[in-house]
């Protein structure tokens, strides 16, 4: 029971606080697959800052967003062609 409490207590430390009303970002995650080069996913902004923007040779397509880091408001400029994200799909070519 003690482990469950510790895990539950640690989880919020990895979630970002809402900035502009949201803490999740929708983006196109690179797969390196020829038939399905991108998949649409949504993750917490912290996950993007900590790892995803560097994923798959920096091929993930991510829109720009604001986030909090150590109590400071920061801006992630985005990468790739964010128009690929569309309405929940990741259509289009690679990241140019």
PDB file of N, CA and C in Angstrom:
ATOM      1  N   UNK A   1       0.823  -1.193   0.000  1.00  0.00           N
ATOM      2  CA  UNK A   1       0.000   0.000   0.000  1.00  0.00           C
ATOM      3  C   UNK A   1       0.861   1.247   0.000  1.00  0.00           C
ATOM      4  N   UNK A   2       1.999   1.190   0.683  1.00  0.00           N
ATOM      5  CA  UNK A   2       2.898   2.340   0.700  1.00  0.00           C
ATOM      6  C   UNK A   2       3.411   2.683  -0.683  1.00  0.00           C
ATOM      7  N   UNK A   3       3.680   1.673  -1.521  1.00  0.00           N
ATOM      8  CA  UNK A   3       4.174   1.926  -2.873  1.00  0.00           C
ATOM      9  C   UNK A   3       3.125   2.626  -3.721  1.00  0.00           C
ATOM     10  N   UNK A   4       1.866   2.232  -3.560  1.00  0.00           N
ATOM     11  CA  UNK A   4       0.799   2.869  -4.327  1.00  0.00           C
ATOM     12  C   UNK A   4       0.677   4.333  -3.968  1.00  0.00           C
ATOM     13  N   UNK A   5       0.848   4.641  -2.712  1.00  0.00           N
ATOM     14  CA  UNK A   5       0.772   6.042  -2.288  1.00  0.00           C
ATOM     15  C   UNK A   5       1.942   6.823  -2.862  1.00  0.00           C
ATOM     16  N   UNK A   6       3.129   6.250  -2.853  1.00  0.00           N
ATOM     17  CA  UNK A   6       4.300   6.935  -3.389  1.00  0.00           C
ATOM     18  C   UNK A   6       4.154   7.184  -4.886  1.00  0.00           C
ATOM     19  N   UNK A   7       3.658   6.212  -5.628  1.00  0.00           N
ATOM     20  CA  UNK A   7       3.470   6.378  -7.066  1.00  0.00           C
ATOM     21  C   UNK A   7       2.416   7.438  -7.344  1.00  0.00           C
ATOM     22  N   UNK A   8       1.310   7.371  -6.649  1.00  0.00           N
ATOM     23  CA  UNK A   8       0.250   8.352  -6.862  1.00  0.00           C
ATOM     24  C   UNK A   8       0.740   9.746  -6.521  1.00  0.00           C
ATOM     25  N   UNK A   9       1.539   9.858  -5.503  1.00  0.00           N
ATOM     26  CA  UNK A   9       2.052  11.160  -5.111  1.00  0.00           C
ATOM     27  C   UNK A   9       3.081  11.708  -6.081  1.00  0.00           C
ATOM     28  N   UNK A  10       3.805  10.842  -6.788  1.00  0.00           N
ATOM     29  CA  UNK A  10       4.845  11.281  -7.712  1.00  0.00           C
ATOM     30  C   UNK A  10       4.296  11.662  -9.081  1.00  0.00           C
ATOM     31  N   UNK A  11       3.198  11.120  -9.484  1.00  0.00           N
ATOM     32  CA  UNK A  11       2.674  11.359 -10.817  1.00  0.00           C
ATOM     33  C   UNK A  11       2.490  12.827 -11.182  1.00  0.00           C
ATOM     34  N   UNK A  12       1.883  13.659 -10.346  1.00  0.00           N
ATOM     35  CA  UNK A  12       1.675  15.053 -10.732  1.00  0.00           C
ATOM     36  C   UNK A  12       2.970  15.822 -10.980  1.00  0.00           C
ATOM     37  N   UNK A  13       4.095  15.379 -10.466  1.00  0.00           N
ATOM     38  CA  UNK A  13       5.357  16.088 -10.673  1.00  0.00           C
ATOM     39  C   UNK A  13       5.770  16.085 -12.145  1.00  0.00           C
ATOM     40  N   UNK A  14       5.292  15.120 -12.925  1.00  0.00           N
ATOM     41  CA  UNK A  14       5.668  15.037 -14.325  1.00  0.00           C
ATOM     42  C   UNK A  14       4.648  15.685 -15.257  1.00  0.00           C
ATOM     43  N   UNK A  15       3.555  16.148 -14.733  1.00  0.00           N
ATOM     44  CA  UNK A  15       2.541  16.807 -15.556  1.00  0.00           C
ATOM     45  C   UNK A  15       2.729  18.314 -15.478  1.00  0.00           C
ATOM     46  N   UNK A  16       2.609  18.965 -16.622  1.00  0.00           N
ATOM     47  CA  UNK A  16       2.771  20.416 -16.631  1.00  0.00           C
ATOM     48  C   UNK A  16       1.524  21.093 -16.084  1.00  0.00           C
ATOM     49  N   UNK A  17       1.705  22.313 -15.635  1.00  0.00           N
ATOM     50  CA  UNK A  17       0.560  23.106 -15.196  1.00  0.00           C
ATOM     51  C   UNK A  17      -0.042  23.762 -16.435  1.00  0.00           C
ATOM     52  N   UNK A  18      -1.367  23.896 -16.486  1.00  0.00           N
ATOM     53  CA  UNK A  18      -1.985  24.490 -17.670  1.00  0.00           C
ATOM     54  C   UNK A  18      -1.470  25.909 -17.938  1.00  0.00           C
ATOM     55  N   UNK A  19      -1.099  26.152 -19.179  1.00  0.00           N
ATOM     56  CA  UNK A  19      -0.707  27.467 -19.656  1.00  0.00           C
ATOM     57  C   UNK A  19      -1.654  27.775 -20.809  1.00  0.00           C
ATOM     58  N   UNK A  20      -2.273  28.918 -20.814  1.00  0.00           N
ATOM     59  CA  UNK A  20      -3.275  29.256 -21.830  1.00  0.00           C
ATOM     60  C   UNK A  20      -4.408  28.234 -21.850  1.00  0.00           C
ATOM     61  N   UNK A  21      -4.715  27.651 -20.686  1.00  0.00           N
ATOM     62  CA  UNK A  21      -5.840  26.742 -20.564  1.00  0.00           C
ATOM     63  C   UNK A  21      -5.570  25.293 -20.930  1.00  0.00           C
ATOM     64  N   UNK A  22      -4.335  24.944 -21.312  1.00  0.00           N
ATOM     65  CA  UNK A  22      -4.072  23.560 -21.717  1.00  0.00           C
ATOM     66  C   UNK A  22      -2.677  23.131 -21.293  1.00  0.00           C
ATOM     67  N   UNK A  23      -2.522  21.842 -21.028  1.00  0.00           N
ATOM     68  CA  UNK A  23      -1.194  21.328 -20.727  1.00  0.00           C
ATOM     69  C   UNK A  23      -0.804  20.193 -21.674  1.00  0.00           C
ATOM     70  N   UNK A  24      -1.689  19.854 -22.606  1.00  0.00           N
ATOM     71  CA  UNK A  24      -1.385  18.806 -23.578  1.00  0.00           C
ATOM     72  C   UNK A  24      -1.212  19.427 -24.958  1.00  0.00           C
ATOM     73  N   UNK A  25      -0.414  18.748 -25.791  1.00  0.00           N
ATOM     74  CA  UNK A  25      -0.155  19.209 -27.149  1.00  0.00           C
ATOM     75  C   UNK A  25      -0.399  18.050 -28.111  1.00  0.00           C
ATOM     76  N   UNK A  26      -1.101  18.325 -29.199  1.00  0.00           N
ATOM     77  CA  UNK A  26      -1.303  17.347 -30.269  1.00  0.00           C
ATOM     78  C   UNK A  26      -0.187  17.532 -31.291  1.00  0.00           C
ATOM     79  N   UNK A  27       0.400  16.430 -31.732  1.00  0.00           N
ATOM     80  CA  UNK A  27       1.468  16.540 -32.729  1.00  0.00           C
ATOM     81  C   UNK A  27       1.591  15.248 -33.533  1.00  0.00           C
ATOM     82  N   UNK A  28       2.431  15.294 -34.564  1.00  0.00           N
ATOM     83  CA  UNK A  28       2.678  14.141 -35.426  1.00  0.00           C
ATOM     84  C   UNK A  28       3.987  13.494 -34.999  1.00  0.00           C
ATOM     85  N   UNK A  29       3.883  12.303 -34.483  1.00  0.00           N
ATOM     86  CA  UNK A  29       5.009  11.545 -33.962  1.00  0.00           C
ATOM     87  C   UNK A  29       5.621  10.710 -35.086  1.00  0.00           C
ATOM     88  N   UNK A  30       6.910  10.917 -35.349  1.00  0.00           N
ATOM     89  CA  UNK A  30       7.593  10.192 -36.422  1.00  0.00           C
ATOM     90  C   UNK A  30       7.774   8.718 -36.058  1.00  0.00           C
ATOM     91  N   UNK A  31       7.559   7.847 -37.042  1.00  0.00           N
ATOM     92  CA  UNK A  31       7.669   6.401 -36.799  1.00  0.00           C
ATOM     93  C   UNK A  31       8.827   5.756 -37.555  1.00  0.00           C
ATOM     94  N   UNK A  32       9.347   6.415 -38.584  1.00  0.00           N
ATOM     95  CA  UNK A  32      10.360   5.855 -39.496  1.00  0.00           C
ATOM     96  C   UNK A  32       9.802   4.701 -40.318  1.00  0.00           C
ATOM     97  N   UNK A  33       8.498   4.631 -40.458  1.00  0.00           N
ATOM     98  CA  UNK A  33       7.854   3.613 -41.296  1.00  0.00           C
ATOM     99  C   UNK A  33       7.572   4.224 -42.672  1.00  0.00           C
ATOM    100  N   UNK A  34       7.859   3.482 -43.732  1.00  0.00           N
ATOM    101  CA  UNK A  34       7.591   3.992 -45.083  1.00  0.00           C
ATOM    102  C   UNK A  34       6.100   4.077 -45.369  1.00  0.00           C
ATOM    103  N   UNK A  35       5.314   3.161 -44.831  1.00  0.00           N
ATOM    104  CA  UNK A  35       3.876   3.148 -45.109  1.00  0.00           C
ATOM    105  C   UNK A  35       3.075   4.041 -44.168  1.00  0.00           C
ATOM    106  N   UNK A  36       3.591   4.321 -42.993  1.00  0.00           N
ATOM    107  CA  UNK A  36       2.892   5.166 -42.025  1.00  0.00           C
ATOM    108  C   UNK A  36       3.938   6.019 -41.284  1.00  0.00           C
ATOM    109  N   UNK A  37       4.470   7.068 -41.963  1.00  0.00           N
ATOM    110  CA  UNK A  37       5.592   7.816 -41.405  1.00  0.00           C
ATOM    111  C   UNK A  37       5.287   8.608 -40.136  1.00  0.00           C
ATOM    112  N   UNK A  38       4.015   8.930 -39.903  1.00  0.00           N
ATOM    113  CA  UNK A  38       3.637   9.690 -38.715  1.00  0.00           C
ATOM    114  C   UNK A  38       2.364   9.148 -38.105  1.00  0.00           C
ATOM    115  N   UNK A  39       2.231   9.268 -36.792  1.00  0.00           N
ATOM    116  CA  UNK A  39       0.984   8.969 -36.102  1.00  0.00           C
ATOM    117  C   UNK A  39       0.611  10.176 -35.253  1.00  0.00           C
ATOM    118  N   UNK A  40      -0.666  10.429 -35.161  1.00  0.00           N
ATOM    119  CA  UNK A  40      -1.189  11.534 -34.374  1.00  0.00           C
ATOM    120  C   UNK A  40      -1.232  11.123 -32.908  1.00  0.00           C
ATOM    121  N   UNK A  41      -0.610  11.915 -32.033  1.00  0.00           N
ATOM    122  CA  UNK A  41      -0.700  11.650 -30.600  1.00  0.00           C
ATOM    123  C   UNK A  41      -0.807  12.966 -29.844  1.00  0.00           C
ATOM    124  N   UNK A  42      -1.206  12.880 -28.609  1.00  0.00           N
ATOM    125  CA  UNK A  42      -1.253  14.024 -27.703  1.00  0.00           C
ATOM    126  C   UNK A  42      -0.527  13.629 -26.431  1.00  0.00           C
ATOM    127  N   UNK A  43       0.358  14.502 -25.969  1.00  0.00           N
ATOM    128  CA  UNK A  43       1.050  14.258 -24.714  1.00  0.00           C
ATOM    129  C   UNK A  43       1.144  15.546 -23.931  1.00  0.00           C
ATOM    130  N   UNK A  44       1.551  15.411 -22.698  1.00  0.00           N
ATOM    131  CA  UNK A  44       1.780  16.559 -21.846  1.00  0.00           C
ATOM    132  C   UNK A  44       2.944  17.374 -22.397  1.00  0.00           C
ATOM    133  N   UNK A  45       2.890  18.681 -22.237  1.00  0.00           N
ATOM    134  CA  UNK A  45       3.971  19.548 -22.710  1.00  0.00           C
ATOM    135  C   UNK A  45       5.316  19.147 -22.123  1.00  0.00           C
ATOM    136  N   UNK A  46       5.350  18.728 -20.867  1.00  0.00           N
ATOM    137  CA  UNK A  46       6.602  18.300 -20.244  1.00  0.00           C
ATOM    138  C   UNK A  46       7.231  17.136 -21.004  1.00  0.00           C
ATOM    139  N   UNK A  47       6.423  16.202 -21.499  1.00  0.00           N
ATOM    140  CA  UNK A  47       6.953  15.057 -22.242  1.00  0.00           C
ATOM    141  C   UNK A  47       7.641  15.521 -23.524  1.00  0.00           C
ATOM    142  N   UNK A  48       7.109  16.545 -24.154  1.00  0.00           N
ATOM    143  CA  UNK A  48       7.734  17.068 -25.366  1.00  0.00           C
ATOM    144  C   UNK A  48       9.056  17.738 -25.027  1.00  0.00           C
ATOM    145  N   UNK A  49       9.062  18.568 -24.003  1.00  0.00           N
ATOM    146  CA  UNK A  49      10.280  19.281 -23.618  1.00  0.00           C
ATOM    147  C   UNK A  49      11.358  18.323 -23.138  1.00  0.00           C
ATOM    148  N   UNK A  50      10.981  17.302 -22.418  1.00  0.00           N
ATOM    149  CA  UNK A  50      11.966  16.364 -21.872  1.00  0.00           C
ATOM    150  C   UNK A  50      12.500  15.366 -22.898  1.00  0.00           C
ATOM    151  N   UNK A  51      11.707  15.001 -23.918  1.00  0.00           N
ATOM    152  CA  UNK A  51      12.171  13.930 -24.800  1.00  0.00           C
ATOM    153  C   UNK A  51      11.675  13.985 -26.237  1.00  0.00           C
ATOM    154  N   UNK A  52      10.395  14.206 -26.453  1.00  0.00           N
ATOM    155  CA  UNK A  52       9.835  13.979 -27.781  1.00  0.00           C
ATOM    156  C   UNK A  52      10.383  14.887 -28.874  1.00  0.00           C
ATOM    157  N   UNK A  53      10.714  16.111 -28.573  1.00  0.00           N
ATOM    158  CA  UNK A  53      11.173  16.979 -29.658  1.00  0.00           C
ATOM    159  C   UNK A  53      12.505  16.483 -30.235  1.00  0.00           C
ATOM    160  N   UNK A  54      13.237  15.666 -29.499  1.00  0.00           N
ATOM    161  CA  UNK A  54      14.500  15.111 -29.975  1.00  0.00           C
ATOM    162  C   UNK A  54      14.322  13.729 -30.609  1.00  0.00           C
ATOM    163  N   UNK A  55      13.121  13.203 -30.579  1.00  0.00           N
ATOM    164  CA  UNK A  55      12.837  11.838 -31.011  1.00  0.00           C
ATOM    165  C   UNK A  55      13.000  11.663 -32.515  1.00  0.00           C
ATOM    166  N   UNK A  56      13.425  10.481 -32.917  1.00  0.00           N
ATOM    167  CA  UNK A  56      13.513  10.086 -34.334  1.00  0.00           C
ATOM    168  C   UNK A  56      14.232  11.137 -35.179  1.00  0.00           C
ATOM    169  N   UNK A  57      15.419  11.507 -34.795  1.00  0.00           N
ATOM    170  CA  UNK A  57      16.232  12.460 -35.559  1.00  0.00           C
ATOM    171  C   UNK A  57      15.542  13.815 -35.733  1.00  0.00           C
ATOM    172  N   UNK A  58      14.812  14.223 -34.712  1.00  0.00           N
ATOM    173  CA  UNK A  58      14.098  15.503 -34.676  1.00  0.00           C
ATOM    174  C   UNK A  58      13.075  15.591 -35.814  1.00  0.00           C
ATOM    175  N   UNK A  59      12.385  14.488 -36.100  1.00  0.00           N
ATOM    176  CA  UNK A  59      11.393  14.455 -37.166  1.00  0.00           C
ATOM    177  C   UNK A  59       9.960  14.641 -36.686  1.00  0.00           C
ATOM    178  N   UNK A  60       9.701  14.592 -35.385  1.00  0.00           N
ATOM    179  CA  UNK A  60       8.333  14.834 -34.915  1.00  0.00           C
ATOM    180  C   UNK A  60       7.904  16.232 -35.365  1.00  0.00           C
ATOM    181  N   UNK A  61       6.643  16.358 -35.751  1.00  0.00           N
ATOM    182  CA  UNK A  61       6.092  17.648 -36.165  1.00  0.00           C
ATOM    183  C   UNK A  61       5.267  18.174 -34.993  1.00  0.00           C
ATOM    184  N   UNK A  62       5.723  19.283 -34.409  1.00  0.00           N
ATOM    185  CA  UNK A  62       5.137  19.793 -33.171  1.00  0.00           C
ATOM    186  C   UNK A  62       4.823  21.270 -33.334  1.00  0.00           C
ATOM    187  N   UNK A  63       3.604  21.701 -33.001  1.00  0.00           N
ATOM    188  CA  UNK A  63       3.291  23.134 -33.077  1.00  0.00           C
ATOM    189  C   UNK A  63       3.984  23.891 -31.938  1.00  0.00           C
ATOM    190  N   UNK A  64       4.064  25.187 -32.077  1.00  0.00           N
ATOM    191  CA  UNK A  64       4.642  26.010 -31.011  1.00  0.00           C
ATOM    192  C   UNK A  64       3.679  26.068 -29.825  1.00  0.00           C
ATOM    193  N   UNK A  65       4.231  26.288 -28.623  1.00  0.00           N
ATOM    194  CA  UNK A  65       3.393  26.415 -27.434  1.00  0.00           C
ATOM    195  C   UNK A  65       4.176  27.071 -26.301  1.00  0.00           C
ATOM    196  N   UNK A  66       3.441  27.586 -25.331  1.00  0.00           N
ATOM    197  CA  UNK A  66       4.009  28.147 -24.109  1.00  0.00           C
ATOM    198  C   UNK A  66       3.940  27.097 -23.020  1.00  0.00           C
ATOM    199  N   UNK A  67       4.927  27.097 -22.114  1.00  0.00           N
ATOM    200  CA  UNK A  67       4.937  26.158 -21.002  1.00  0.00           C
ATOM    201  C   UNK A  67       5.694  26.768 -19.833  1.00  0.00           C
ATOM    202  N   UNK A  68       5.514  26.183 -18.656  1.00  0.00           N
ATOM    203  CA  UNK A  68       6.221  26.641 -17.463  1.00  0.00           C
ATOM    204  C   UNK A  68       7.389  25.707 -17.196  1.00  0.00           C
ATOM    205  N   UNK A  69       8.564  26.275 -16.901  1.00  0.00           N
ATOM    206  CA  UNK A  69       9.748  25.491 -16.553  1.00  0.00           C
ATOM    207  C   UNK A  69      10.420  26.176 -15.384  1.00  0.00           C
ATOM    208  N   UNK A  70      10.514  25.488 -14.261  1.00  0.00           N
ATOM    209  CA  UNK A  70      11.095  26.050 -13.035  1.00  0.00           C
ATOM    210  C   UNK A  70      10.476  27.398 -12.677  1.00  0.00           C
ATOM    211  N   UNK A  71       9.163  27.490 -12.828  1.00  0.00           N
ATOM    212  CA  UNK A  71       8.447  28.706 -12.477  1.00  0.00           C
ATOM    213  C   UNK A  71       8.556  29.836 -13.492  1.00  0.00           C
ATOM    214  N   UNK A  72       9.201  29.590 -14.612  1.00  0.00           N
ATOM    215  CA  UNK A  72       9.371  30.604 -15.654  1.00  0.00           C
ATOM    216  C   UNK A  72       8.558  30.237 -16.891  1.00  0.00           C
ATOM    217  N   UNK A  73       7.874  31.210 -17.462  1.00  0.00           N
ATOM    218  CA  UNK A  73       7.130  30.998 -18.693  1.00  0.00           C
ATOM    219  C   UNK A  73       8.124  30.892 -19.852  1.00  0.00           C
ATOM    220  N   UNK A  74       8.042  29.799 -20.601  1.00  0.00           N
ATOM    221  CA  UNK A  74       8.959  29.537 -21.708  1.00  0.00           C
ATOM    222  C   UNK A  74       8.164  29.321 -22.989  1.00  0.00           C
ATOM    223  N   UNK A  75       8.818  29.487 -24.130  1.00  0.00           N
ATOM    224  CA  UNK A  75       8.177  29.290 -25.429  1.00  0.00           C
ATOM    225  C   UNK A  75       8.916  28.214 -26.204  1.00  0.00           C
ATOM    226  N   UNK A  76       8.180  27.196 -26.680  1.00  0.00           N
ATOM    227  CA  UNK A  76       8.729  26.187 -27.577  1.00  0.00           C
ATOM    228  C   UNK A  76       8.326  26.614 -28.984  1.00  0.00           C
ATOM    229  N   UNK A  77       9.286  26.881 -29.888  1.00  0.00           N
ATOM    230  CA  UNK A  77       8.961  27.437 -31.202  1.00  0.00           C
ATOM    231  C   UNK A  77       8.326  26.461 -32.183  1.00  0.00           C
ATOM    232  N   UNK A  78       8.264  25.199 -31.822  1.00  0.00           N
ATOM    233  CA  UNK A  78       7.703  24.200 -32.719  1.00  0.00           C
ATOM    234  C   UNK A  78       8.763  23.692 -33.678  1.00  0.00           C
ATOM    235  N   UNK A  79       8.393  22.664 -34.424  1.00  0.00           N
ATOM    236  CA  UNK A  79       9.303  22.139 -35.449  1.00  0.00           C
ATOM    237  C   UNK A  79       8.495  21.439 -36.517  1.00  0.00           C
ATOM    238  N   UNK A  80       8.997  21.508 -37.738  1.00  0.00           N
ATOM    239  CA  UNK A  80       8.315  20.882 -38.859  1.00  0.00           C
ATOM    240  C   UNK A  80       7.115  21.698 -39.316  1.00  0.00           C
ATOM    241  N   UNK A  81       6.347  21.129 -40.216  1.00  0.00           N
ATOM    242  CA  UNK A  81       5.182  21.776 -40.803  1.00  0.00           C
ATOM    243  C   UNK A  81       3.939  21.432 -39.991  1.00  0.00           C
ATOM    244  N   UNK A  82       3.570  22.315 -39.071  1.00  0.00           N
ATOM    245  CA  UNK A  82       2.444  22.050 -38.166  1.00  0.00           C
ATOM    246  C   UNK A  82       1.115  21.899 -38.900  1.00  0.00           C
ATOM    247  N   UNK A  83       1.032  22.293 -40.168  1.00  0.00           N
ATOM    248  CA  UNK A  83      -0.216  22.108 -40.913  1.00  0.00           C
ATOM    249  C   UNK A  83      -0.502  20.627 -41.151  1.00  0.00           C
ATOM    250  N   UNK A  84       0.504  19.764 -40.978  1.00  0.00           N
ATOM    251  CA  UNK A  84       0.291  18.319 -41.116  1.00  0.00           C
ATOM    252  C   UNK A  84      -0.628  17.781 -40.031  1.00  0.00           C
ATOM    253  N   UNK A  85      -0.714  18.471 -38.901  1.00  0.00           N
ATOM    254  CA  UNK A  85      -1.469  17.959 -37.766  1.00  0.00           C
ATOM    255  C   UNK A  85      -2.960  18.004 -38.047  1.00  0.00           C
ATOM    256  N   UNK A  86      -3.427  19.042 -38.676  1.00  0.00           N
ATOM    257  CA  UNK A  86      -4.811  19.142 -39.121  1.00  0.00           C
ATOM    258  C   UNK A  86      -5.834  18.821 -38.059  1.00  0.00           C
ATOM    259  N   UNK A  87      -6.796  18.010 -38.410  1.00  0.00           N
ATOM    260  CA  UNK A  87      -7.923  17.698 -37.527  1.00  0.00           C
ATOM    261  C   UNK A  87      -7.776  16.317 -36.885  1.00  0.00           C
ATOM    262  N   UNK A  88      -6.591  16.030 -36.391  1.00  0.00           N
ATOM    263  CA  UNK A  88      -6.371  14.739 -35.767  1.00  0.00           C
ATOM    264  C   UNK A  88      -5.695  13.747 -36.692  1.00  0.00           C
ATOM    265  N   UNK A  89      -5.200  14.219 -37.832  1.00  0.00           N
ATOM    266  CA  UNK A  89      -4.467  13.363 -38.754  1.00  0.00           C
ATOM    267  C   UNK A  89      -3.065  13.921 -38.943  1.00  0.00           C
ATOM    268  N   UNK A  90      -2.185  13.119 -39.473  1.00  0.00           N
ATOM    269  CA  UNK A  90      -0.823  13.545 -39.786  1.00  0.00           C
ATOM    270  C   UNK A  90      -0.547  13.218 -41.231  1.00  0.00           C
ATOM    271  N   UNK A  91      -1.087  14.025 -42.109  1.00  0.00           N
ATOM    272  CA  UNK A  91      -0.926  13.800 -43.532  1.00  0.00           C
ATOM    273  C   UNK A  91       0.206  14.674 -44.057  1.00  0.00           C
ATOM    274  N   UNK A  92       0.814  14.243 -45.119  1.00  0.00           N
ATOM    275  CA  UNK A  92       1.865  15.042 -45.737  1.00  0.00           C
ATOM    276  C   UNK A  92       3.185  14.329 -45.726  1.00  0.00           C
ATOM    277  N   UNK A  93       4.167  15.018 -46.213  1.00  0.00           N
ATOM    278  CA  UNK A  93       5.498  14.447 -46.334  1.00  0.00           C
ATOM    279  C   UNK A  93       6.307  14.598 -45.066  1.00  0.00           C
ATOM    280  N   UNK A  94       7.587  14.531 -45.241  1.00  0.00           N
ATOM    281  CA  UNK A  94       8.494  14.617 -44.109  1.00  0.00           C
ATOM    282  C   UNK A  94       8.656  16.041 -43.615  1.00  0.00           C
ATOM    283  N   UNK A  95       9.559  16.203 -42.706  1.00  0.00           N
ATOM    284  CA  UNK A  95       9.835  17.503 -42.122  1.00  0.00           C
ATOM    285  C   UNK A  95      10.939  18.133 -42.941  1.00  0.00           C
ATOM    286  N   UNK A  96      10.692  19.317 -43.464  1.00  0.00           N
ATOM    287  CA  UNK A  96      11.663  19.955 -44.317  1.00  0.00           C
ATOM    288  C   UNK A  96      12.407  20.990 -43.623  1.00  0.00           C
TER     289      UNK A  96
END
